[in-house]
Amino acid sequence: MERFLDERDLERAVLSYLVGRAQAMDTFKNIARWWVRQQVIRFDLEALDAVLYRLTAQGVIEQLPAAGDGGCMYRLAMA
């Protein structure tokens, strides 16, 4: 599912990229390719984390330890 960013989202993405990278400089094409895309992925991952947390708290899904890497796995909660 592709989504399009409005100007406020784009502004936030550019400024977020520049936080901690005050000396960054690039072309229009590379800003679109790297700066914005990287921030959109970060924002989308934060949103996904919030969704998984909320669904777990509501008892819709459950969180289980993943073997080996210390991470976790999610599945539909068993009734």
Protein backbone atom coordinates (compact mmCIF):
# COMPACT_ATOMS: atom_id res chain seq x y z
CA MET A 1 0.00 0.00 0.00
CA GLU A 2 1.60 3.24 -1.14
CA ARG A 3 0.82 6.42 0.70
CA PHE A 4 1.61 9.97 -0.30
CA LEU A 5 2.98 12.50 2.13
CA ASP A 6 1.58 15.98 2.42
CA GLU A 7 3.88 18.98 2.77
CA ARG A 8 3.77 18.87 6.58
CA ASP A 9 4.88 15.22 6.55
CA LEU A 10 7.68 16.03 4.10
CA GLU A 11 8.82 18.98 6.18
CA ARG A 12 8.90 16.80 9.29
CA ALA A 13 10.86 14.11 7.43
CA VAL A 14 13.50 16.56 6.18
CA LEU A 15 13.91 18.24 9.56
CA SER A 16 14.02 14.89 11.37
CA TYR A 17 16.80 13.76 9.10
CA LEU A 18 18.76 16.93 9.83
CA VAL A 19 18.53 16.51 13.59
CA GLY A 20 21.98 15.29 14.49
CA ARG A 21 23.21 15.81 10.93
CA ALA A 22 23.49 19.60 10.81
CA GLN A 23 26.24 19.41 8.18
CA ALA A 24 24.22 17.19 5.80
CA MET A 25 23.90 18.42 2.22
CA ASP A 26 22.52 16.66 -0.84
CA THR A 27 20.72 16.99 -4.17
CA PHE A 28 16.95 17.06 -4.57
CA LYS A 29 17.01 13.52 -5.96
CA ASN A 30 19.05 12.14 -3.05
CA ILE A 31 17.01 14.02 -0.45
CA ALA A 32 13.92 12.33 -1.87
CA ARG A 33 15.64 8.97 -2.11
CA TRP A 34 17.50 8.88 1.20
CA TRP A 35 16.45 11.58 3.63
CA VAL A 36 12.70 11.36 3.18
CA ARG A 37 12.44 7.62 2.57
CA GLN A 38 14.57 6.86 5.64
CA GLN A 39 12.37 9.02 7.86
CA VAL A 40 9.12 7.62 6.45
CA ILE A 41 10.32 4.10 7.24
CA ARG A 42 11.25 5.21 10.76
CA PHE A 43 7.84 6.84 11.28
CA ASP A 44 6.06 3.79 9.87
CA LEU A 45 8.01 1.49 12.22
CA GLU A 46 7.09 3.68 15.19
CA ALA A 47 3.44 3.50 14.15
CA LEU A 48 3.65 -0.29 13.78
CA ASP A 49 5.21 -0.57 17.23
CA ALA A 50 2.34 1.47 18.68
CA VAL A 51 -0.25 -0.70 16.92
CA LEU A 52 1.33 -3.94 18.18
CA TYR A 53 1.53 -2.54 21.71
CA ARG A 54 -2.13 -1.46 21.63
CA LEU A 55 -3.38 -4.78 20.21
CA THR A 56 -1.36 -6.69 22.81
CA ALA A 57 -2.73 -4.51 25.62
CA GLN A 58 -6.27 -5.10 24.34
CA GLY A 59 -5.70 -8.86 24.31
CA VAL A 60 -6.25 -9.17 20.55
CA ILE A 61 -2.75 -10.49 19.90
CA GLU A 62 -0.15 -11.97 22.19
CA GLN A 63 3.58 -11.47 22.36
CA LEU A 64 5.86 -14.50 22.70
CA PRO A 65 9.64 -14.71 23.05
CA ALA A 66 11.46 -15.48 19.82
CA ALA A 67 14.04 -18.23 19.86
CA GLY A 68 17.62 -17.11 19.79
CA ASP A 69 17.74 -13.39 19.09
CA GLY A 70 16.02 -12.08 22.22
CA GLY A 71 13.25 -10.51 20.16
CA CYS A 72 9.60 -11.40 20.22
CA MET A 73 6.91 -12.77 17.96
CA TYR A 74 3.22 -11.88 17.77
CA ARG A 75 0.17 -13.99 17.03
CA LEU A 76 -3.58 -13.88 17.44
CA ALA A 77 -4.37 -14.31 21.11
CA MET A 78 -5.52 -17.78 22.05
CA ALA A 79 -8.88 -17.69 23.81
